[in-house]
Structures are given as C-alpha cells and as structure tokens.
Amino acid sequence: MEITSPVFDRIEFDLDPAYATGKKFTVIAHDNTSENVYIQKALLNGKEYTRCYLDFSDIKAGSTLELFMGKEPNENWGKEL
C-alpha cells in the first residue's frame, strides 16, 4: 500500500481475525490541514519509518502509522535509508 497524504486526522480499521493477527490498524495524521499536504516523517509503532509504502504484513499485525504533515515537501522522506 502506497502512503499518501491522509484525508482523516485519525482512522482505525478493525481487522478480521481470519486474516490478521492484530486487532486494529490505525493511521494518525499530526498537523493535518488543507495547507499541510506533505508528509514530513512517519512512525510505525513508534519507530521511524522511511518507506513510502506499507507491506500487508505491517497492516495485519495491528500496527499504528503516524504521519507528520507540513507545508513543504520533505525530499528525503520516503527514500529508504
């Protein structure tokens, strides 16, 4: 799944136990406004996340993805280190 600018400030998906080991997948967008459309950095389960995509395994594990938004593009975010 490609990570793009979020529409919601926070959203939680209940995961089906037939397919997932976790209970919920949550996305939280900090400073999410109509002006702040660029992802500055991301955290997955509290740890820095540098990819611009998620593997399904991260979703089905019941993770929390936090996106920190800003007005200007961060040219370094989304480039795997």
PDB file of N, CA and C in Angstrom:
ATOM      1  N   MET A   1       0.841  -1.165   0.000  1.00  0.00           N
ATOM      2  CA  MET A   1       0.000   0.000   0.000  1.00  0.00           C
ATOM      3  C   MET A   1       0.894   1.238   0.000  1.00  0.00           C
ATOM      4  N   GLU A   2       0.669   2.125  -0.946  1.00  0.00           N
ATOM      5  CA  GLU A   2       1.422   3.372  -1.010  1.00  0.00           C
ATOM      6  C   GLU A   2       0.893   4.344   0.046  1.00  0.00           C
ATOM      7  N   ILE A   3       1.795   5.060   0.695  1.00  0.00           N
ATOM      8  CA  ILE A   3       1.411   6.042   1.700  1.00  0.00           C
ATOM      9  C   ILE A   3       1.326   7.402   1.016  1.00  0.00           C
ATOM     10  N   THR A   4       0.161   8.031   1.108  1.00  0.00           N
ATOM     11  CA  THR A   4      -0.045   9.350   0.522  1.00  0.00           C
ATOM     12  C   THR A   4      -0.656  10.271   1.572  1.00  0.00           C
ATOM     13  N   SER A   5      -0.895  11.512   1.200  1.00  0.00           N
ATOM     14  CA  SER A   5      -1.487  12.484   2.126  1.00  0.00           C
ATOM     15  C   SER A   5      -2.819  11.970   2.640  1.00  0.00           C
ATOM     16  N   PRO A   6      -3.007  11.989   3.948  1.00  0.00           N
ATOM     17  CA  PRO A   6      -4.246  11.446   4.525  1.00  0.00           C
ATOM     18  C   PRO A   6      -5.424  12.402   4.385  1.00  0.00           C
ATOM     19  N   VAL A   7      -6.607  11.833   4.342  1.00  0.00           N
ATOM     20  CA  VAL A   7      -7.842  12.609   4.317  1.00  0.00           C
ATOM     21  C   VAL A   7      -8.323  12.861   5.751  1.00  0.00           C
ATOM     22  N   PHE A   8      -8.097  11.890   6.629  1.00  0.00           N
ATOM     23  CA  PHE A   8      -8.573  11.959   8.004  1.00  0.00           C
ATOM     24  C   PHE A   8      -7.419  12.254   8.950  1.00  0.00           C
ATOM     25  N   ASP A   9      -7.740  12.855  10.101  1.00  0.00           N
ATOM     26  CA  ASP A   9      -6.733  13.067  11.146  1.00  0.00           C
ATOM     27  C   ASP A   9      -6.404  11.760  11.860  1.00  0.00           C
ATOM     28  N   ARG A  10      -7.412  10.908  11.977  1.00  0.00           N
ATOM     29  CA  ARG A  10      -7.227   9.608  12.625  1.00  0.00           C
ATOM     30  C   ARG A  10      -8.272   8.654  12.074  1.00  0.00           C
ATOM     31  N   ILE A  11      -7.839   7.445  11.801  1.00  0.00           N
ATOM     32  CA  ILE A  11      -8.779   6.417  11.356  1.00  0.00           C
ATOM     33  C   ILE A  11      -8.300   5.066  11.880  1.00  0.00           C
ATOM     34  N   GLU A  12      -9.250   4.246  12.292  1.00  0.00           N
ATOM     35  CA  GLU A  12      -8.938   2.906  12.794  1.00  0.00           C
ATOM     36  C   GLU A  12      -9.724   1.878  11.991  1.00  0.00           C
ATOM     37  N   PHE A  13      -9.040   0.841  11.607  1.00  0.00           N
ATOM     38  CA  PHE A  13      -9.661  -0.265  10.892  1.00  0.00           C
ATOM     39  C   PHE A  13      -9.663  -1.484  11.803  1.00  0.00           C
ATOM     40  N   ASP A  14     -10.831  -2.046  12.046  1.00  0.00           N
ATOM     41  CA  ASP A  14     -10.913  -3.315  12.762  1.00  0.00           C
ATOM     42  C   ASP A  14     -10.476  -4.411  11.801  1.00  0.00           C
ATOM     43  N   LEU A  15      -9.573  -5.261  12.254  1.00  0.00           N
ATOM     44  CA  LEU A  15      -9.036  -6.317  11.400  1.00  0.00           C
ATOM     45  C   LEU A  15      -9.759  -7.634  11.641  1.00  0.00           C
ATOM     46  N   ASP A  16      -9.978  -8.355  10.593  1.00  0.00           N
ATOM     47  CA  ASP A  16     -10.663  -9.649  10.655  1.00  0.00           C
ATOM     48  C   ASP A  16      -9.684 -10.704  11.178  1.00  0.00           C
ATOM     49  N   PRO A  17      -9.997 -11.355  12.290  1.00  0.00           N
ATOM     50  CA  PRO A  17      -9.084 -12.357  12.852  1.00  0.00           C
ATOM     51  C   PRO A  17      -8.839 -13.553  11.928  1.00  0.00           C
ATOM     52  N   ALA A  18      -9.656 -13.732  10.924  1.00  0.00           N
ATOM     53  CA  ALA A  18      -9.425 -14.817   9.970  1.00  0.00           C
ATOM     54  C   ALA A  18      -8.217 -14.522   9.081  1.00  0.00           C
ATOM     55  N   TYR A  19      -7.858 -13.238   8.971  1.00  0.00           N
ATOM     56  CA  TYR A  19      -6.759 -12.841   8.091  1.00  0.00           C
ATOM     57  C   TYR A  19      -5.628 -12.100   8.794  1.00  0.00           C
ATOM     58  N   ALA A  20      -5.890 -11.617  10.000  1.00  0.00           N
ATOM     59  CA  ALA A  20      -4.917 -10.757  10.682  1.00  0.00           C
ATOM     60  C   ALA A  20      -4.649 -11.244  12.097  1.00  0.00           C
ATOM     61  N   THR A  21      -3.434 -11.016  12.553  1.00  0.00           N
ATOM     62  CA  THR A  21      -3.073 -11.366  13.928  1.00  0.00           C
ATOM     63  C   THR A  21      -3.354 -10.211  14.888  1.00  0.00           C
ATOM     64  N   GLY A  22      -3.388  -8.984  14.374  1.00  0.00           N
ATOM     65  CA  GLY A  22      -3.685  -7.814  15.200  1.00  0.00           C
ATOM     66  C   GLY A  22      -5.169  -7.518  15.219  1.00  0.00           C
ATOM     67  N   LYS A  23      -5.559  -6.603  16.114  1.00  0.00           N
ATOM     68  CA  LYS A  23      -6.973  -6.262  16.240  1.00  0.00           C
ATOM     69  C   LYS A  23      -7.354  -5.020  15.432  1.00  0.00           C
ATOM     70  N   LYS A  24      -6.435  -4.042  15.347  1.00  0.00           N
ATOM     71  CA  LYS A  24      -6.733  -2.783  14.663  1.00  0.00           C
ATOM     72  C   LYS A  24      -5.504  -2.290  13.906  1.00  0.00           C
ATOM     73  N   PHE A  25      -5.741  -1.604  12.800  1.00  0.00           N
ATOM     74  CA  PHE A  25      -4.709  -0.851  12.103  1.00  0.00           C
ATOM     75  C   PHE A  25      -5.135   0.607  12.188  1.00  0.00           C
ATOM     76  N   THR A  26      -4.243   1.457  12.706  1.00  0.00           N
ATOM     77  CA  THR A  26      -4.568   2.851  12.964  1.00  0.00           C
ATOM     78  C   THR A  26      -3.629   3.757  12.194  1.00  0.00           C
ATOM     79  N   VAL A  27      -4.199   4.821  11.626  1.00  0.00           N
ATOM     80  CA  VAL A  27      -3.402   5.873  10.991  1.00  0.00           C
ATOM     81  C   VAL A  27      -3.731   7.176  11.703  1.00  0.00           C
ATOM     82  N   ILE A  28      -2.691   7.868  12.164  1.00  0.00           N
ATOM     83  CA  ILE A  28      -2.840   9.152  12.836  1.00  0.00           C
ATOM     84  C   ILE A  28      -2.047  10.182  12.043  1.00  0.00           C
ATOM     85  N   ALA A  29      -2.700  11.289  11.677  1.00  0.00           N
ATOM     86  CA  ALA A  29      -2.030  12.356  10.942  1.00  0.00           C
ATOM     87  C   ALA A  29      -1.901  13.579  11.844  1.00  0.00           C
ATOM     88  N   HIS A  30      -0.668  13.935  12.167  1.00  0.00           N
ATOM     89  CA  HIS A  30      -0.390  15.108  13.004  1.00  0.00           C
ATOM     90  C   HIS A  30      -0.293  16.352  12.113  1.00  0.00           C
ATOM     91  N   ASP A  31      -0.853  17.460  12.574  1.00  0.00           N
ATOM     92  CA  ASP A  31      -0.827  18.733  11.838  1.00  0.00           C
ATOM     93  C   ASP A  31      -1.441  18.590  10.448  1.00  0.00           C
ATOM     94  N   ASN A  32      -2.487  17.817  10.342  1.00  0.00           N
ATOM     95  CA  ASN A  32      -3.152  17.576   9.068  1.00  0.00           C
ATOM     96  C   ASN A  32      -4.127  18.715   8.773  1.00  0.00           C
ATOM     97  N   THR A  33      -3.758  19.591   7.846  1.00  0.00           N
ATOM     98  CA  THR A  33      -4.612  20.703   7.426  1.00  0.00           C
ATOM     99  C   THR A  33      -4.631  20.758   5.910  1.00  0.00           C
ATOM    100  N   SER A  34      -5.463  21.611   5.371  1.00  0.00           N
ATOM    101  CA  SER A  34      -5.524  21.750   3.918  1.00  0.00           C
ATOM    102  C   SER A  34      -4.235  22.324   3.349  1.00  0.00           C
ATOM    103  N   GLU A  35      -3.444  23.027   4.173  1.00  0.00           N
ATOM    104  CA  GLU A  35      -2.154  23.566   3.733  1.00  0.00           C
ATOM    105  C   GLU A  35      -1.024  22.559   3.912  1.00  0.00           C
ATOM    106  N   ASN A  36      -1.133  21.706   4.903  1.00  0.00           N
ATOM    107  CA  ASN A  36      -0.077  20.735   5.219  1.00  0.00           C
ATOM    108  C   ASN A  36      -0.359  19.421   4.489  1.00  0.00           C
ATOM    109  N   VAL A  37       0.032  19.365   3.232  1.00  0.00           N
ATOM    110  CA  VAL A  37      -0.286  18.198   2.411  1.00  0.00           C
ATOM    111  C   VAL A  37       0.910  17.281   2.170  1.00  0.00           C
ATOM    112  N   TYR A  38       2.056  17.644   2.745  1.00  0.00           N
ATOM    113  CA  TYR A  38       3.274  16.861   2.516  1.00  0.00           C
ATOM    114  C   TYR A  38       3.680  16.103   3.778  1.00  0.00           C
ATOM    115  N   ILE A  39       4.012  14.838   3.598  1.00  0.00           N
ATOM    116  CA  ILE A  39       4.487  14.034   4.726  1.00  0.00           C
ATOM    117  C   ILE A  39       5.926  14.430   5.033  1.00  0.00           C
ATOM    118  N   GLN A  40       6.159  14.805   6.282  1.00  0.00           N
ATOM    119  CA  GLN A  40       7.491  15.205   6.720  1.00  0.00           C
ATOM    120  C   GLN A  40       8.279  14.024   7.263  1.00  0.00           C
ATOM    121  N   LYS A  41       7.570  13.189   8.027  1.00  0.00           N
ATOM    122  CA  LYS A  41       8.171  11.963   8.568  1.00  0.00           C
ATOM    123  C   LYS A  41       7.043  11.027   8.965  1.00  0.00           C
ATOM    124  N   ALA A  42       7.403   9.785   9.192  1.00  0.00           N
ATOM    125  CA  ALA A  42       6.419   8.779   9.585  1.00  0.00           C
ATOM    126  C   ALA A  42       7.004   7.906  10.686  1.00  0.00           C
ATOM    127  N   LEU A  43       6.120   7.418  11.531  1.00  0.00           N
ATOM    128  CA  LEU A  43       6.477   6.448  12.566  1.00  0.00           C
ATOM    129  C   LEU A  43       5.556   5.246  12.407  1.00  0.00           C
ATOM    130  N   LEU A  44       6.131   4.072  12.516  1.00  0.00           N
ATOM    131  CA  LEU A  44       5.340   2.847  12.539  1.00  0.00           C
ATOM    132  C   LEU A  44       5.583   2.187  13.877  1.00  0.00           C
ATOM    133  N   ASN A  45       4.547   2.102  14.672  1.00  0.00           N
ATOM    134  CA  ASN A  45       4.648   1.574  16.042  1.00  0.00           C
ATOM    135  C   ASN A  45       5.711   2.308  16.849  1.00  0.00           C
ATOM    136  N   GLY A  46       5.778   3.627  16.664  1.00  0.00           N
ATOM    137  CA  GLY A  46       6.680   4.466  17.443  1.00  0.00           C
ATOM    138  C   GLY A  46       8.107   4.538  16.933  1.00  0.00           C
ATOM    139  N   LYS A  47       8.421   3.825  15.852  1.00  0.00           N
ATOM    140  CA  LYS A  47       9.784   3.828  15.304  1.00  0.00           C
ATOM    141  C   LYS A  47       9.785   4.520  13.946  1.00  0.00           C
ATOM    142  N   GLU A  48      10.867   5.244  13.660  1.00  0.00           N
ATOM    143  CA  GLU A  48      10.961   5.952  12.387  1.00  0.00           C
ATOM    144  C   GLU A  48      10.738   4.991  11.224  1.00  0.00           C
ATOM    145  N   TYR A  49       9.919   5.448  10.271  1.00  0.00           N
ATOM    146  CA  TYR A  49       9.582   4.641   9.110  1.00  0.00           C
ATOM    147  C   TYR A  49       9.923   5.462   7.871  1.00  0.00           C
ATOM    148  N   THR A  50      10.826   4.958   7.038  1.00  0.00           N
ATOM    149  CA  THR A  50      11.351   5.758   5.932  1.00  0.00           C
ATOM    150  C   THR A  50      10.835   5.327   4.557  1.00  0.00           C
ATOM    151  N   ARG A  51      10.013   4.309   4.492  1.00  0.00           N
ATOM    152  CA  ARG A  51       9.478   3.861   3.200  1.00  0.00           C
ATOM    153  C   ARG A  51       8.194   4.615   2.870  1.00  0.00           C
ATOM    154  N   CYS A  52       7.875   4.736   1.590  1.00  0.00           N
ATOM    155  CA  CYS A  52       6.644   5.406   1.177  1.00  0.00           C
ATOM    156  C   CYS A  52       5.536   4.389   0.887  1.00  0.00           C
ATOM    157  N   TYR A  53       5.677   3.203   1.424  1.00  0.00           N
ATOM    158  CA  TYR A  53       4.674   2.154   1.251  1.00  0.00           C
ATOM    159  C   TYR A  53       4.649   1.274   2.494  1.00  0.00           C
ATOM    160  N   LEU A  54       3.566   0.519   2.656  1.00  0.00           N
ATOM    161  CA  LEU A  54       3.436  -0.451   3.745  1.00  0.00           C
ATOM    162  C   LEU A  54       3.258  -1.835   3.153  1.00  0.00           C
ATOM    163  N   ASP A  55       3.843  -2.812   3.789  1.00  0.00           N
ATOM    164  CA  ASP A  55       3.581  -4.204   3.445  1.00  0.00           C
ATOM    165  C   ASP A  55       2.296  -4.632   4.146  1.00  0.00           C
ATOM    166  N   PHE A  56       1.576  -5.552   3.537  1.00  0.00           N
ATOM    167  CA  PHE A  56       0.355  -6.048   4.155  1.00  0.00           C
ATOM    168  C   PHE A  56       0.643  -6.658   5.524  1.00  0.00           C
ATOM    169  N   SER A  57       1.832  -7.221   5.692  1.00  0.00           N
ATOM    170  CA  SER A  57       2.187  -7.818   6.984  1.00  0.00           C
ATOM    171  C   SER A  57       2.183  -6.775   8.105  1.00  0.00           C
ATOM    172  N   ASP A  58       2.545  -5.524   7.789  1.00  0.00           N
ATOM    173  CA  ASP A  58       2.502  -4.446   8.792  1.00  0.00           C
ATOM    174  C   ASP A  58       1.070  -4.109   9.164  1.00  0.00           C
ATOM    175  N   ILE A  59       0.191  -4.141   8.192  1.00  0.00           N
ATOM    176  CA  ILE A  59      -1.219  -3.826   8.443  1.00  0.00           C
ATOM    177  C   ILE A  59      -1.867  -4.933   9.269  1.00  0.00           C
ATOM    178  N   LYS A  60      -1.705  -6.180   8.832  1.00  0.00           N
ATOM    179  CA  LYS A  60      -2.397  -7.284   9.513  1.00  0.00           C
ATOM    180  C   LYS A  60      -1.852  -7.565  10.912  1.00  0.00           C
ATOM    181  N   ALA A  61      -0.675  -7.035  11.225  1.00  0.00           N
ATOM    182  CA  ALA A  61      -0.118  -7.204  12.570  1.00  0.00           C
ATOM    183  C   ALA A  61      -0.790  -6.289  13.585  1.00  0.00           C
ATOM    184  N   GLY A  62      -1.590  -5.341  13.084  1.00  0.00           N
ATOM    185  CA  GLY A  62      -2.262  -4.424  14.003  1.00  0.00           C
ATOM    186  C   GLY A  62      -1.391  -3.253  14.394  1.00  0.00           C
ATOM    187  N   SER A  63      -0.817  -2.596  13.424  1.00  0.00           N
ATOM    188  CA  SER A  63       0.142  -1.514  13.651  1.00  0.00           C
ATOM    189  C   SER A  63      -0.532  -0.152  13.784  1.00  0.00           C
ATOM    190  N   THR A  64       0.275   0.820  14.225  1.00  0.00           N
ATOM    191  CA  THR A  64      -0.124   2.220  14.228  1.00  0.00           C
ATOM    192  C   THR A  64       0.867   2.988  13.372  1.00  0.00           C
ATOM    193  N   LEU A  65       0.358   3.673  12.361  1.00  0.00           N
ATOM    194  CA  LEU A  65       1.160   4.506  11.485  1.00  0.00           C
ATOM    195  C   LEU A  65       0.862   5.955  11.813  1.00  0.00           C
ATOM    196  N   GLU A  66       1.904   6.715  12.165  1.00  0.00           N
ATOM    197  CA  GLU A  66       1.751   8.140  12.444  1.00  0.00           C
ATOM    198  C   GLU A  66       2.438   8.920  11.337  1.00  0.00           C
ATOM    199  N   LEU A  67       1.714   9.886  10.784  1.00  0.00           N
ATOM    200  CA  LEU A  67       2.245  10.745   9.741  1.00  0.00           C
ATOM    201  C   LEU A  67       2.320  12.170  10.270  1.00  0.00           C
ATOM    202  N   PHE A  68       3.433  12.821  10.038  1.00  0.00           N
ATOM    203  CA  PHE A  68       3.642  14.198  10.466  1.00  0.00           C
ATOM    204  C   PHE A  68       3.658  15.058   9.206  1.00  0.00           C
ATOM    205  N   MET A  69       2.693  15.958   9.115  1.00  0.00           N
ATOM    206  CA  MET A  69       2.456  16.700   7.893  1.00  0.00           C
ATOM    207  C   MET A  69       3.057  18.103   7.949  1.00  0.00           C
ATOM    208  N   GLY A  70       3.353  18.663   6.766  1.00  0.00           N
ATOM    209  CA  GLY A  70       3.896  20.015   6.676  1.00  0.00           C
ATOM    210  C   GLY A  70       3.553  20.663   5.346  1.00  0.00           C
ATOM    211  N   LYS A  71       3.870  21.957   5.229  1.00  0.00           N
ATOM    212  CA  LYS A  71       3.526  22.742   4.034  1.00  0.00           C
ATOM    213  C   LYS A  71       4.469  22.514   2.866  1.00  0.00           C
ATOM    214  N   GLU A  72       5.694  22.158   3.142  1.00  0.00           N
ATOM    215  CA  GLU A  72       6.708  21.984   2.100  1.00  0.00           C
ATOM    216  C   GLU A  72       7.088  20.517   1.992  1.00  0.00           C
ATOM    217  N   PRO A  73       7.421  20.054   0.793  1.00  0.00           N
ATOM    218  CA  PRO A  73       7.838  18.649   0.651  1.00  0.00           C
ATOM    219  C   PRO A  73       9.150  18.372   1.388  1.00  0.00           C
ATOM    220  N   ASN A  74       9.230  17.238   1.998  1.00  0.00           N
ATOM    221  CA  ASN A  74      10.487  16.760   2.562  1.00  0.00           C
ATOM    222  C   ASN A  74      11.061  15.799   1.532  1.00  0.00           C
ATOM    223  N   GLU A  75      12.037  16.263   0.784  1.00  0.00           N
ATOM    224  CA  GLU A  75      12.589  15.480  -0.327  1.00  0.00           C
ATOM    225  C   GLU A  75      13.265  14.192   0.155  1.00  0.00           C
ATOM    226  N   ASN A  76      13.592  14.117   1.435  1.00  0.00           N
ATOM    227  CA  ASN A  76      14.284  12.932   1.962  1.00  0.00           C
ATOM    228  C   ASN A  76      13.332  11.867   2.481  1.00  0.00           C
ATOM    229  N   TRP A  77      12.073  12.242   2.770  1.00  0.00           N
ATOM    230  CA  TRP A  77      11.152  11.241   3.295  1.00  0.00           C
ATOM    231  C   TRP A  77      10.719  10.317   2.168  1.00  0.00           C
ATOM    232  N   GLY A  78      10.609   9.054   2.483  1.00  0.00           N
ATOM    233  CA  GLY A  78      10.170   8.071   1.514  1.00  0.00           C
ATOM    234  C   GLY A  78      11.301   7.406   0.764  1.00  0.00           C
ATOM    235  N   LYS A  79      12.506   7.819   1.076  1.00  0.00           N
ATOM    236  CA  LYS A  79      13.683   7.177   0.487  1.00  0.00           C
ATOM    237  C   LYS A  79      14.250   6.254   1.542  1.00  0.00           C
ATOM    238  N   GLU A  80      14.251   4.989   1.263  1.00  0.00           N
ATOM    239  CA  GLU A  80      14.753   4.027   2.251  1.00  0.00           C
ATOM    240  C   GLU A  80      16.211   4.329   2.544  1.00  0.00           C
ATOM    241  N   LEU A  81      16.532   4.277   3.827  1.00  0.00           N
ATOM    242  CA  LEU A  81      17.916   4.529   4.245  1.00  0.00           C
ATOM    243  C   LEU A  81      18.680   3.240   4.386  1.00  0.00           C
TER     244      LEU A  81
END
